[in-house]
Amino acid sequence: MPSPIWPYITPGIPDDLFDRLPGIPLSKREVRLLLISHLRLTTDTILWDIGAGTGTIPVEVGLLCSQGKIIAVERDEEVATLIRRNCDRFSVTNVDIIVGSAPECLKDLPAPPNRVCIEGGRPIKDILFEVWHYLPHQGRVVVTAGNLENLYTVSETFAQLQVRNIEVVQSAVNRLETRGNHQTFAAVDPIFILSGEKLE
C-alpha cells in the first residue's frame, strides 16, 4: 500500500521527509537518483545496502522493487532503529535490517544479492572483496566515494576484481535555497558513483 507521505511511483523522495539523527549521513535526493539508476533494478531485485545510514536507499528501492528484498547493513543499533522508522514511515515492508559490521557480518546475511550498494564502511577494499564472493554472474555493485582517497581505493579494487562495464560519475548539483530575503543556488557536496558488473 502506498505511503500517504509519498504516494508516487517516482523515486526521488525529498530529503526533509525522512526522519534524521544528528551526524548520520543521508544520501541527497539527486545523488540517490543517480545511484538507483546505476543499480539497474528489477521488481524482484535482492539488494544488499552496506552502510545504510538514514535508510534512504532501502526505502526508495523497497518501494520500487515490490517483489524484491533489501538487506540493510548498519553497525550502530540506534541508526538501525532509524532505518526501521523510515521504512515504517513510508510503509516499506520488504527491508531486513541487520546490525553488524561489514565485511565480517556478510556471511550471515539471509539471502545472496544480485545488486550491492556500498555507501560506507571501512575498510572499503575488504568489503568489496567479500561482496564479490556472493555476487552472481551479471550481478552489479555500486559504490560511492566522497574523497580522492576512496575514489582511488575503489578504482584499484575494481581493477583487481576485474569488474566489467565500469562507469564512474561525479555529481554536480545545485539547489535553489532561500537565505533571508533572497534565493540563491547552493551546491550539494559532489560525490563519485562507481558501478560495474561481475561477468565471470
Protein backbone atom coordinates (compact mmCIF):
# COMPACT_ATOMS: atom_id res chain seq x y z
CA MET A 1 0.00 0.00 0.00
CA PRO A 2 1.49 3.39 -0.96
CA SER A 3 2.58 5.71 1.81
CA PRO A 4 0.42 8.83 2.22
CA ILE A 5 3.68 10.74 2.67
CA TRP A 6 4.95 9.73 -0.79
CA PRO A 7 2.09 8.24 -2.86
CA TYR A 8 4.10 8.18 -6.10
CA ILE A 9 5.95 5.52 -8.06
CA THR A 10 8.63 8.05 -8.99
CA PRO A 11 11.85 7.79 -6.96
CA GLY A 12 13.43 10.90 -5.50
CA ILE A 13 11.78 11.41 -2.14
CA PRO A 14 12.64 14.89 -0.76
CA ASP A 15 15.31 14.74 1.93
CA ASP A 16 13.20 16.52 4.52
CA LEU A 17 10.55 13.77 4.50
CA PHE A 18 12.97 11.33 6.15
CA ASP A 19 13.49 11.10 9.90
CA ARG A 20 17.07 12.07 10.75
CA LEU A 21 19.64 11.70 13.52
CA PRO A 22 22.38 14.31 14.07
CA GLY A 23 25.63 13.27 12.41
CA ILE A 24 24.14 10.36 10.47
CA PRO A 25 24.68 10.73 6.72
CA LEU A 26 21.81 10.96 4.27
CA SER A 27 22.22 10.36 0.55
CA LYS A 28 20.93 13.55 -1.06
CA ARG A 29 17.94 13.11 -3.38
CA GLU A 30 19.80 13.94 -6.60
CA VAL A 31 22.71 11.62 -5.73
CA ARG A 32 20.19 8.94 -4.73
CA LEU A 33 18.57 9.11 -8.17
CA LEU A 34 21.94 8.62 -9.87
CA LEU A 35 22.81 5.75 -7.57
CA ILE A 36 19.49 4.00 -8.13
CA SER A 37 19.82 4.34 -11.91
CA HIS A 38 23.24 2.64 -11.79
CA LEU A 39 21.84 -0.29 -9.77
CA ARG A 40 19.62 -1.24 -12.75
CA LEU A 41 16.86 -2.70 -10.61
CA THR A 42 14.15 -5.22 -11.42
CA THR A 43 10.94 -5.79 -9.47
CA ASP A 44 12.49 -8.84 -7.75
CA THR A 45 15.98 -7.44 -7.06
CA ILE A 46 17.77 -8.64 -3.94
CA LEU A 47 19.87 -5.70 -2.78
CA TRP A 48 22.49 -5.54 -0.05
CA ASP A 49 22.86 -1.92 1.11
CA ILE A 50 26.03 -1.76 3.18
CA GLY A 51 26.38 1.31 5.37
CA ALA A 52 22.69 2.12 5.03
CA GLY A 53 22.80 5.23 7.26
CA THR A 54 19.46 7.02 7.38
CA GLY A 55 17.86 4.36 5.17
CA THR A 56 17.06 6.43 2.11
CA ILE A 57 18.23 3.77 -0.37
CA PRO A 58 16.37 0.88 1.35
CA VAL A 59 13.17 2.96 1.37
CA GLU A 60 13.45 4.05 -2.28
CA VAL A 61 14.45 0.59 -3.55
CA GLY A 62 11.87 -1.09 -1.33
CA LEU A 63 9.14 1.00 -2.98
CA LEU A 64 10.48 0.29 -6.49
CA CYS A 65 11.13 -3.46 -6.08
CA SER A 66 7.80 -4.67 -4.78
CA GLN A 67 8.72 -8.36 -5.15
CA GLY A 68 12.33 -7.90 -4.09
CA LYS A 69 14.21 -7.91 -0.82
CA ILE A 70 16.50 -5.23 0.57
CA ILE A 71 19.00 -6.13 3.26
CA ALA A 72 20.27 -3.02 5.02
CA VAL A 73 23.52 -3.47 6.93
CA GLU A 74 24.31 -0.95 9.65
CA ARG A 75 26.70 -1.39 12.55
CA ASP A 76 25.03 1.01 15.01
CA GLU A 77 21.82 -0.15 16.71
CA GLU A 78 20.46 3.38 17.09
CA VAL A 79 20.94 4.00 13.37
CA ALA A 80 19.34 0.65 12.56
CA THR A 81 16.31 1.80 14.56
CA LEU A 82 16.27 4.99 12.46
CA ILE A 83 16.20 2.90 9.27
CA ARG A 84 13.24 0.93 10.65
CA ARG A 85 11.42 4.17 11.49
CA ASN A 86 11.91 5.45 7.95
CA CYS A 87 10.73 2.16 6.45
CA ASP A 88 7.61 2.29 8.62
CA ARG A 89 7.12 5.95 7.74
CA PHE A 90 6.90 5.07 4.04
CA SER A 91 5.06 1.75 4.53
CA VAL A 92 8.03 -0.26 3.21
CA THR A 93 7.81 -3.88 4.36
CA ASN A 94 10.45 -5.70 2.28
CA VAL A 95 13.55 -4.44 4.12
CA ASP A 96 15.54 -6.60 6.56
CA ILE A 97 17.83 -4.59 8.82
CA ILE A 98 20.99 -6.33 10.02
CA VAL A 99 23.03 -4.81 12.84
CA GLY A 100 26.63 -5.75 12.16
CA SER A 101 29.99 -4.65 10.81
CA ALA A 102 30.98 -5.43 7.25
CA PRO A 103 32.72 -7.44 5.98
CA GLU A 104 32.50 -9.79 8.99
CA CYS A 105 28.69 -9.94 9.11
CA LEU A 106 28.14 -10.55 5.39
CA LYS A 107 28.45 -14.32 5.68
CA ASP A 108 25.37 -14.33 7.93
CA LEU A 109 23.03 -12.34 5.68
CA PRO A 110 19.76 -14.15 4.90
CA ALA A 111 19.88 -14.06 1.08
CA PRO A 112 22.62 -13.64 -1.55
CA PRO A 113 22.37 -10.42 -3.58
CA ASN A 114 22.18 -9.67 -7.26
CA ARG A 115 22.82 -5.99 -6.53
CA VAL A 116 25.08 -4.42 -3.90
CA CYS A 117 25.23 -0.78 -2.85
CA ILE A 118 28.13 0.31 -0.64
CA GLU A 119 27.64 3.74 0.88
CA GLY A 120 30.05 3.43 3.77
CA GLY A 121 32.20 1.07 5.74
CA ARG A 122 35.85 0.67 6.40
CA PRO A 123 37.92 -0.84 5.02
CA ILE A 124 36.17 -0.48 1.67
CA LYS A 125 38.63 -2.79 -0.10
CA ASP A 126 37.93 -5.72 2.25
CA ILE A 127 34.17 -5.16 1.91
CA LEU A 128 34.38 -5.20 -1.90
CA PHE A 129 36.44 -8.39 -1.95
CA GLU A 130 33.99 -10.12 0.40
CA VAL A 131 30.92 -8.92 -1.51
CA TRP A 132 32.39 -10.23 -4.76
CA HIS A 133 32.15 -13.84 -3.47
CA TYR A 134 28.38 -13.55 -3.13
CA LEU A 135 27.53 -11.72 -6.35
CA PRO A 136 26.29 -13.96 -9.19
CA HIS A 137 27.16 -13.68 -12.86
CA GLN A 138 25.83 -10.31 -14.12
CA GLY A 139 25.47 -9.05 -10.57
CA ARG A 140 26.11 -5.34 -10.12
CA VAL A 141 27.93 -3.35 -7.49
CA VAL A 142 27.57 0.41 -6.95
CA VAL A 143 29.90 2.30 -4.60
CA THR A 144 30.00 5.93 -3.54
CA ALA A 145 33.23 7.80 -2.82
CA GLY A 146 33.28 11.22 -1.22
CA ASN A 147 37.02 11.88 -1.42
CA LEU A 148 40.00 11.23 -3.66
CA GLU A 149 41.44 8.52 -1.40
CA ASN A 150 38.27 6.42 -1.53
CA LEU A 151 37.95 7.01 -5.26
CA TYR A 152 41.45 5.65 -5.78
CA THR A 153 40.88 2.67 -3.46
CA VAL A 154 37.60 1.67 -5.13
CA SER A 155 39.09 2.09 -8.62
CA GLU A 156 42.12 -0.02 -7.70
CA THR A 157 39.92 -2.72 -6.16
CA PHE A 158 37.63 -2.79 -9.20
CA ALA A 159 40.72 -3.46 -11.33
CA GLN A 160 41.91 -6.26 -9.03
CA LEU A 161 38.47 -7.90 -9.08
CA GLN A 162 38.22 -7.49 -12.86
CA VAL A 163 34.92 -5.63 -12.60
CA ARG A 164 33.42 -5.18 -16.07
CA ASN A 165 31.42 -2.40 -17.73
CA ILE A 166 32.69 0.12 -15.20
CA GLU A 167 31.09 3.54 -15.07
CA VAL A 168 32.25 6.48 -12.95
CA VAL A 169 30.07 9.56 -12.49
CA GLN A 170 30.68 12.63 -10.37
CA SER A 171 27.59 14.51 -9.29
CA ALA A 172 27.45 18.29 -9.66
CA VAL A 173 24.15 19.53 -8.28
CA ASN A 174 22.96 23.00 -7.25
CA ARG A 175 19.73 23.59 -5.35
CA LEU A 176 17.69 26.76 -5.09
CA GLU A 177 17.62 27.81 -1.42
CA THR A 178 16.09 30.71 0.43
CA ARG A 179 18.52 32.65 2.60
CA GLY A 180 16.94 35.58 4.35
CA ASN A 181 15.07 37.61 1.75
CA HIS A 182 16.99 36.15 -1.18
CA GLN A 183 17.01 32.96 -3.20
CA THR A 184 20.35 31.56 -4.23
CA PHE A 185 21.79 28.38 -5.67
CA ALA A 186 23.77 26.27 -3.22
CA ALA A 187 25.98 23.36 -4.21
CA VAL A 188 25.32 19.85 -2.93
CA ASP A 189 28.59 18.18 -1.92
CA PRO A 190 29.89 16.35 -5.02
CA ILE A 191 30.25 12.60 -4.81
CA PHE A 192 31.64 9.90 -7.09
CA ILE A 193 29.44 6.95 -8.03
CA LEU A 194 31.31 3.91 -9.34
CA SER A 195 29.49 0.91 -10.77
CA GLY A 196 30.23 -2.29 -12.62
CA GLU A 197 29.30 -5.93 -13.24
CA LYS A 198 30.58 -9.39 -12.45
CA LEU A 199 30.93 -11.25 -15.74
CA GLU A 200 32.87 -14.38 -14.88
